[in-house]
Protein backbone atom coordinates (compact mmCIF):
# COMPACT_ATOMS: atom_id res chain seq x y z
CA MET A 1 181.26 -87.39 -252.61
CA TYR A 2 185.05 -87.52 -252.83
CA LYS A 3 185.35 -86.13 -256.36
CA ALA A 4 182.58 -83.56 -255.92
CA LEU A 5 183.42 -82.22 -252.46
CA LEU A 6 186.64 -83.45 -250.87
CA LYS A 7 189.00 -83.63 -253.84
CA PRO A 8 188.57 -79.95 -254.88
CA LEU A 9 189.42 -78.92 -251.31
CA LEU A 10 192.41 -81.23 -251.04
CA PHE A 11 193.76 -80.10 -254.40
CA GLN A 12 193.87 -76.54 -253.09
CA LEU A 13 196.55 -77.69 -250.67
CA ASP A 14 200.15 -78.57 -251.41
CA ALA A 15 200.20 -82.26 -252.39
CA GLU A 16 202.15 -83.42 -249.33
CA GLN A 17 200.08 -81.23 -247.01
CA ALA A 18 196.94 -82.83 -248.44
CA HIS A 19 198.40 -86.27 -247.81
CA HIS A 20 199.02 -85.49 -244.13
CA PHE A 21 195.58 -83.87 -243.83
CA VAL A 22 193.92 -87.05 -245.10
CA PHE A 23 196.00 -89.23 -242.78
CA ASP A 24 195.25 -87.13 -239.70
CA ASN A 25 191.53 -86.97 -240.37
CA LEU A 26 191.19 -90.66 -241.23
CA LYS A 27 192.86 -91.60 -237.95
CA ARG A 28 190.71 -89.11 -236.06
CA SER A 29 187.42 -90.19 -237.65
CA PHE A 30 188.08 -93.89 -237.13
CA ARG A 31 188.29 -93.28 -233.39
CA LEU A 32 184.57 -92.45 -233.45
CA PRO A 33 182.23 -95.40 -232.81
CA GLY A 34 180.67 -96.76 -235.99
CA THR A 35 183.06 -95.12 -238.46
CA ALA A 36 184.79 -98.36 -239.45
CA ALA A 37 181.45 -100.09 -240.03
CA LEU A 38 180.20 -97.15 -242.09
CA MET A 39 183.34 -97.12 -244.25
CA ARG A 40 183.03 -100.86 -244.87
CA GLN A 41 179.42 -100.39 -245.88
CA LEU A 42 180.34 -97.60 -248.29
CA TYR A 43 183.54 -98.93 -249.82
CA ASP A 44 184.09 -102.60 -249.07
CA PHE A 45 182.89 -105.30 -251.46
CA GLU A 46 183.29 -109.02 -250.95
CA HIS A 47 182.63 -111.92 -253.29
CA PRO A 48 184.08 -115.43 -253.37
CA SER A 49 185.23 -115.01 -256.99
CA LEU A 50 187.54 -112.16 -255.93
CA GLU A 51 189.65 -114.37 -253.69
CA ARG A 52 193.15 -115.15 -254.92
CA GLU A 53 195.90 -117.44 -253.70
CA VAL A 54 199.27 -116.06 -254.78
CA PHE A 55 202.75 -117.11 -253.58
CA GLY A 56 201.08 -119.14 -250.84
CA LEU A 57 198.99 -116.29 -249.40
CA LYS A 58 195.20 -115.98 -249.57
CA PHE A 59 194.02 -112.53 -250.65
CA ARG A 60 190.36 -111.65 -250.19
CA ASN A 61 190.51 -109.58 -253.37
CA PRO A 62 193.28 -108.70 -255.84
CA VAL A 63 193.28 -104.92 -255.30
CA GLY A 64 196.07 -103.66 -253.05
CA LEU A 65 197.56 -100.33 -252.06
CA ALA A 66 201.06 -99.73 -253.39
CA ALA A 67 204.04 -98.82 -251.25
CA GLY A 68 204.62 -95.12 -250.73
CA PHE A 69 201.15 -94.21 -249.49
CA ASP A 70 201.26 -95.64 -245.97
CA LYS A 71 205.02 -95.61 -245.54
CA ASN A 72 204.94 -95.99 -241.76
CA ALA A 73 202.03 -98.43 -241.35
CA GLU A 74 199.87 -95.78 -239.70
CA LEU A 75 196.59 -96.60 -241.46
CA THR A 76 196.52 -100.34 -242.10
CA ASP A 77 193.28 -100.90 -240.16
CA GLU A 78 191.59 -97.91 -241.78
CA LEU A 79 192.69 -98.99 -245.27
CA ALA A 80 191.34 -102.49 -244.63
CA ALA A 81 187.93 -100.92 -244.00
CA LEU A 82 188.16 -99.12 -247.35
CA GLY A 83 188.10 -102.45 -249.17
CA PHE A 84 191.71 -103.18 -250.07
CA GLY A 85 192.74 -106.80 -250.30
CA PHE A 86 196.26 -106.01 -249.10
CA VAL A 87 198.47 -103.07 -248.18
CA GLU A 88 202.17 -102.69 -248.93
CA ILE A 89 203.84 -100.45 -246.37
CA GLY A 90 207.14 -98.62 -246.82
CA THR A 91 209.57 -98.14 -248.30
CA VAL A 92 211.10 -98.79 -244.86
CA THR A 93 214.80 -98.30 -244.15
CA PRO A 94 216.71 -99.66 -241.13
CA ARG A 95 217.13 -96.20 -239.60
CA ALA A 96 214.61 -93.38 -239.63
CA GLN A 97 215.35 -90.67 -242.17
CA PRO A 98 213.62 -87.43 -243.21
CA GLY A 99 213.84 -87.94 -246.96
CA ASN A 100 214.53 -85.19 -249.45
CA PRO A 101 213.79 -81.49 -248.85
CA ALA A 102 210.27 -80.22 -249.54
CA PRO A 103 208.58 -79.50 -251.85
CA ARG A 104 208.93 -83.07 -253.07
CA LEU A 105 205.47 -84.15 -254.22
CA PHE A 106 203.76 -82.50 -257.21
CA ARG A 107 200.48 -82.96 -259.08
CA LEU A 108 200.26 -82.93 -262.86
CA LYS A 109 196.50 -82.45 -263.02
CA GLU A 110 196.30 -82.38 -266.82
CA ASP A 111 197.83 -85.87 -266.84
CA GLU A 112 196.24 -87.25 -263.66
CA ALA A 113 199.79 -87.91 -262.55
CA LEU A 114 202.21 -87.21 -259.74
CA ILE A 115 205.93 -86.53 -259.59
CA ASN A 116 207.59 -87.40 -256.31
CA ARG A 117 211.11 -87.27 -254.97
CA MET A 118 210.27 -88.19 -251.40
CA GLY A 119 213.51 -90.10 -250.82
CA PHE A 120 212.41 -92.96 -248.56
CA ASN A 121 211.21 -90.70 -245.73
CA ASN A 122 210.11 -93.05 -242.93
CA ASP A 123 210.22 -93.71 -239.19
CA GLY A 124 212.68 -96.61 -239.44
CA ALA A 125 212.14 -100.35 -239.29
CA ALA A 126 211.86 -100.71 -235.50
CA ALA A 127 209.13 -98.06 -235.18
CA VAL A 128 207.17 -99.47 -238.12
CA ALA A 129 207.41 -103.00 -236.74
CA GLN A 130 206.10 -101.86 -233.36
CA ARG A 131 203.15 -100.13 -235.03
CA LEU A 132 202.29 -103.27 -237.01
CA ARG A 133 202.29 -105.33 -233.81
CA GLN A 134 199.43 -103.16 -232.57
CA ARG A 135 197.17 -103.42 -235.62
CA ARG A 136 193.75 -105.04 -235.27
CA SER A 137 192.77 -106.08 -238.78
CA GLY A 138 193.97 -109.25 -240.48
CA ILE A 139 194.63 -107.61 -243.85
CA ILE A 140 197.68 -108.96 -245.69
CA ILE A 141 200.67 -106.65 -245.26
CA GLY A 142 203.63 -106.40 -247.61
CA GLY A 143 206.89 -104.95 -246.32
CA ASN A 144 208.73 -102.84 -248.90
CA ILE A 145 212.35 -102.45 -247.79
CA GLY A 146 215.18 -100.19 -248.92
CA LYS A 147 218.54 -98.79 -247.89
CA ASN A 148 219.30 -95.60 -246.03
CA LYS A 149 220.46 -92.71 -248.19
CA ASP A 150 223.87 -92.50 -246.50
CA THR A 151 224.59 -96.21 -246.88
CA PRO A 152 227.04 -96.84 -249.75
CA ASN A 153 225.86 -99.28 -252.41
CA GLU A 154 228.72 -101.60 -251.43
CA GLN A 155 227.05 -101.99 -248.02
CA ALA A 156 223.44 -101.90 -249.23
CA ALA A 157 222.78 -105.60 -248.67
CA ALA A 158 223.31 -105.14 -244.93
CA ASP A 159 220.54 -102.52 -244.87
CA TYR A 160 218.12 -104.79 -246.71
CA VAL A 161 218.93 -107.66 -244.36
CA ALA A 162 218.40 -105.40 -241.34
CA GLY A 163 215.02 -104.26 -242.63
CA PHE A 164 214.06 -107.84 -243.38
CA GLU A 165 214.97 -109.01 -239.89
CA ALA A 166 213.13 -106.14 -238.18
CA LEU A 167 209.88 -106.67 -240.09
CA PHE A 168 209.87 -110.45 -240.48
CA GLU A 169 207.36 -111.21 -237.73
CA VAL A 170 204.89 -108.46 -238.69
CA VAL A 171 204.52 -108.63 -242.49
CA ASP A 172 203.25 -111.36 -244.81
CA TYR A 173 205.59 -110.81 -247.77
CA PHE A 174 208.62 -108.70 -248.61
CA VAL A 175 209.46 -106.46 -251.56
CA VAL A 176 213.06 -105.44 -252.22
CA ASN A 177 213.01 -101.93 -253.67
CA VAL A 178 216.07 -101.04 -255.74
CA SER A 179 214.10 -99.16 -258.40
CA SER A 180 213.18 -95.83 -256.81
CA PRO A 181 214.75 -92.92 -258.71
CA ASN A 182 214.83 -90.75 -255.57
CA THR A 183 217.75 -92.22 -253.62
CA PRO A 184 221.11 -91.42 -255.25
CA ASN A 185 222.61 -94.37 -257.16
CA LEU A 186 219.95 -96.78 -255.88
CA ARG A 187 219.00 -97.91 -259.38
CA ASP A 188 222.60 -99.03 -259.94
CA LEU A 189 221.67 -101.97 -257.70
CA GLN A 190 219.39 -103.25 -260.48
CA GLU A 191 222.49 -104.31 -262.42
CA LYS A 192 222.91 -108.06 -262.54
CA LYS A 193 225.95 -108.66 -260.32
CA PRO A 194 225.07 -106.39 -257.36
CA LEU A 195 221.40 -107.41 -257.49
CA ILE A 196 222.18 -111.13 -257.31
CA ALA A 197 224.50 -110.55 -254.37
CA LEU A 198 221.93 -108.45 -252.52
CA LEU A 199 219.01 -110.80 -253.09
CA GLN A 200 221.05 -113.86 -252.17
CA GLN A 201 221.94 -112.36 -248.80
CA VAL A 202 218.30 -111.54 -248.01
CA GLN A 203 217.13 -114.92 -249.30
CA GLU A 204 219.69 -116.77 -247.19
CA ARG A 205 218.25 -115.15 -244.06
CA ASN A 206 214.74 -115.89 -245.30
CA GLN A 207 215.34 -119.56 -246.06
CA ALA A 208 217.02 -120.05 -242.69
CA ARG A 209 213.67 -119.33 -241.05
CA PRO A 210 211.26 -122.19 -240.25
CA ASN A 211 208.56 -120.45 -242.32
CA PRO A 212 210.15 -118.30 -245.04
CA LYS A 213 208.17 -115.33 -246.37
CA PRO A 214 207.50 -114.66 -250.05
CA LEU A 215 210.29 -112.42 -251.36
CA LEU A 216 209.59 -110.15 -254.34
CA LEU A 217 211.55 -107.56 -256.30
CA LYS A 218 210.13 -104.21 -257.45
CA ILE A 219 211.45 -103.12 -260.83
CA ALA A 220 211.51 -99.89 -262.82
CA PRO A 221 209.46 -99.36 -265.97
CA ASP A 222 212.53 -97.88 -267.67
CA LEU A 223 214.35 -101.20 -268.12
CA THR A 224 215.04 -102.51 -271.63
CA ASN A 225 213.88 -105.96 -272.70
CA GLY A 226 217.45 -107.17 -272.28
CA GLN A 227 217.47 -105.90 -268.71
CA LEU A 228 214.09 -107.54 -268.08
CA ASP A 229 215.59 -110.81 -269.32
CA ASP A 230 218.36 -110.36 -266.75
CA ILE A 231 215.75 -109.74 -264.05
CA LEU A 232 214.07 -113.04 -264.91
CA LEU A 233 217.38 -114.89 -264.73
CA ILE A 234 218.08 -113.27 -261.38
CA ALA A 235 214.59 -114.16 -260.13
CA ARG A 236 215.22 -117.82 -260.91
CA GLU A 237 218.74 -117.85 -259.48
CA THR A 238 217.68 -116.21 -256.20
CA ARG A 239 214.36 -118.10 -255.96
CA LEU A 240 212.14 -115.03 -255.87
CA SER A 241 208.43 -115.57 -255.26
CA GLY A 242 207.38 -112.82 -257.67
CA LEU A 243 207.92 -109.34 -259.09
CA VAL A 244 206.25 -105.97 -258.61
CA ALA A 245 205.98 -104.20 -261.96
CA THR A 246 206.42 -101.30 -261.97
CA ASN A 247 207.85 -98.45 -259.91
CA THR A 248 207.68 -94.81 -261.05
CA THR A 249 209.36 -93.69 -264.28
CA ILE A 250 211.98 -91.04 -264.97
CA SER A 251 210.48 -90.51 -268.43
CA ARG A 252 208.62 -87.29 -269.20
CA ALA A 253 207.39 -88.30 -272.66
CA ASP A 254 203.93 -87.45 -274.04
CA LEU A 255 202.69 -85.35 -271.14
CA ASN A 256 199.84 -82.84 -271.45
CA THR A 257 201.33 -80.65 -268.73
CA PRO A 258 203.40 -77.83 -270.28
CA ALA A 259 207.06 -78.76 -270.62
CA SER A 260 208.08 -75.61 -268.75
CA THR A 261 205.98 -76.65 -265.75
CA VAL A 262 207.45 -80.15 -265.78
CA ALA A 263 210.99 -78.76 -266.07
CA GLY A 264 210.31 -76.43 -263.15
CA ILE A 265 209.35 -79.38 -260.95
CA GLY A 266 212.65 -81.08 -261.60
CA ALA A 267 213.74 -84.60 -260.76
CA GLY A 268 211.51 -87.35 -259.41
CA GLY A 269 209.52 -90.42 -260.31
CA LEU A 270 206.39 -90.00 -262.43
CA SER A 271 203.30 -92.05 -261.62
CA GLY A 272 199.68 -92.10 -262.78
CA ARG A 273 198.00 -92.33 -266.17
CA PRO A 274 201.13 -91.65 -268.27
CA LEU A 275 202.68 -94.82 -266.81
CA ARG A 276 199.74 -97.10 -267.64
CA GLN A 277 200.81 -98.35 -271.06
CA ARG A 278 204.48 -98.94 -270.24
CA ALA A 279 203.67 -100.74 -266.99
CA THR A 280 201.27 -103.02 -268.87
CA GLU A 281 203.92 -103.71 -271.53
CA VAL A 282 206.42 -104.74 -268.85
CA ILE A 283 203.88 -107.01 -267.15
CA ARG A 284 202.97 -108.66 -270.44
CA TYR A 285 206.63 -109.22 -271.36
CA LEU A 286 207.45 -110.77 -267.99
CA HIS A 287 204.35 -112.94 -268.04
CA GLN A 288 204.96 -114.21 -271.56
CA HIS A 289 208.64 -114.95 -270.93
CA THR A 290 207.87 -116.99 -267.82
CA ALA A 291 204.74 -118.67 -269.19
CA GLY A 292 202.96 -117.27 -266.16
CA SER A 293 205.14 -119.20 -263.71
CA LEU A 294 206.31 -116.11 -261.78
CA PRO A 295 203.51 -114.13 -260.07
CA ILE A 296 203.43 -110.42 -260.87
CA ILE A 297 201.88 -107.60 -258.87
CA GLY A 298 200.87 -105.04 -261.49
CA VAL A 299 201.03 -101.35 -260.63
CA GLY A 300 201.16 -98.20 -262.70
CA GLY A 301 198.41 -95.98 -264.06
CA ILE A 302 195.39 -97.87 -262.75
CA ALA A 303 192.57 -95.33 -262.48
CA SER A 304 189.53 -97.36 -263.56
CA ALA A 305 188.10 -100.85 -263.69
CA ALA A 306 189.17 -101.05 -267.34
CA ASP A 307 192.76 -100.25 -266.36
CA ALA A 308 192.64 -102.98 -263.73
CA ARG A 309 191.32 -105.54 -266.20
CA GLU A 310 194.07 -104.55 -268.63
CA LYS A 311 196.78 -105.30 -266.06
CA LEU A 312 195.19 -108.63 -265.10
CA ALA A 313 194.76 -109.61 -268.76
CA ALA A 314 198.44 -108.82 -269.37
CA GLY A 315 199.37 -111.35 -266.72
CA ALA A 316 199.26 -109.64 -263.33
CA ALA A 317 198.07 -111.92 -260.52
CA LEU A 318 197.35 -108.94 -258.26
CA ILE A 319 197.22 -105.18 -258.77
CA GLN A 320 198.05 -102.12 -256.70
CA LEU A 321 196.74 -98.55 -256.69
CA TYR A 322 198.45 -95.32 -255.72
CA THR A 323 197.99 -92.25 -257.91
CA GLY A 324 194.63 -93.43 -259.24
CA PHE A 325 193.44 -93.76 -255.64
CA ILE A 326 194.37 -90.11 -255.02
CA TYR A 327 192.65 -88.81 -258.16
CA GLU A 328 189.59 -91.09 -258.10
CA GLY A 329 189.08 -91.59 -254.37
CA PRO A 330 188.27 -94.61 -252.22
CA ALA A 331 185.30 -95.72 -254.34
CA LEU A 332 187.80 -96.87 -257.00
CA VAL A 333 188.60 -100.04 -255.03
CA LYS A 334 184.94 -101.04 -254.85
CA HIS A 335 184.31 -100.19 -258.53
CA ILE A 336 187.20 -102.38 -259.62
CA ASN A 337 186.12 -105.33 -257.47
CA GLN A 338 182.51 -105.05 -258.60
CA ALA A 339 183.60 -104.93 -262.24
CA LEU A 340 185.81 -108.00 -261.78
CA VAL A 341 182.85 -109.93 -260.43
CA ARG A 342 180.62 -108.83 -263.32
């Protein structure tokens, strides 16, 4: 139904307008009695073999929703009914910010891809935390945290600590995001020295708690093998619970979309099918160089059950969808879980 009826209508709208249209109508429809039960019947799929225990958390299935879709934790209950095993909200910054000017989200239909330069638009950590306190479902929630655009890199750690403190009681794990290409100079924080300092400050706050939360790092697909080796050293030194591989890419290689169209869109992170191979390569490298000792959430270009199996075979403990969910629709979650059982 999605691909035949709804998707053609949504794709007539501007990409960000379509996103808001879906959000508004999902929230509206779930207020009607019976909608949640109907959605679970259509899209949810449970089986004991799908359950996973990763970094001390029990996931009912390994298919999650990546950060960037539900930035402000507005749809966690609705997304739980659509069959996801977990939802990562954010990226959340300490203070609310509007993000970059629109247009800032673009479809590359020939590539089943997106380019976004959203710029961490969100309601701020306090508002997101309050919304999560009111949720009804028990779905596992990841909190993806970042710095405000106007915070200098030298003071970035304070922003990450503030986001961590604000969300600690309402999320199940944290992801430090220093790999988005859409906040100026943010990726400079992936360098070894500043990254160690940042993670150590967050981890100190975490370990001071009676029940520390799993702390993960989200990395870019554009890192060299040498930089990935540094990431693994940093992960050990700062006692990370895992990695999220990968974020969007700044590469524009091997696209089917005309180069002039891509150039006209301009800067931003590319996600979707073109990212699939590189994301899998990064996952495999990290898995092999840790002998599987560091859990990896695999994300990037998953648009089918075969793509999901590829990520898991490369070493991912869990996977996340984003662009594939937009192009394929909510049935993708169920198809993946059914295929994993088979």
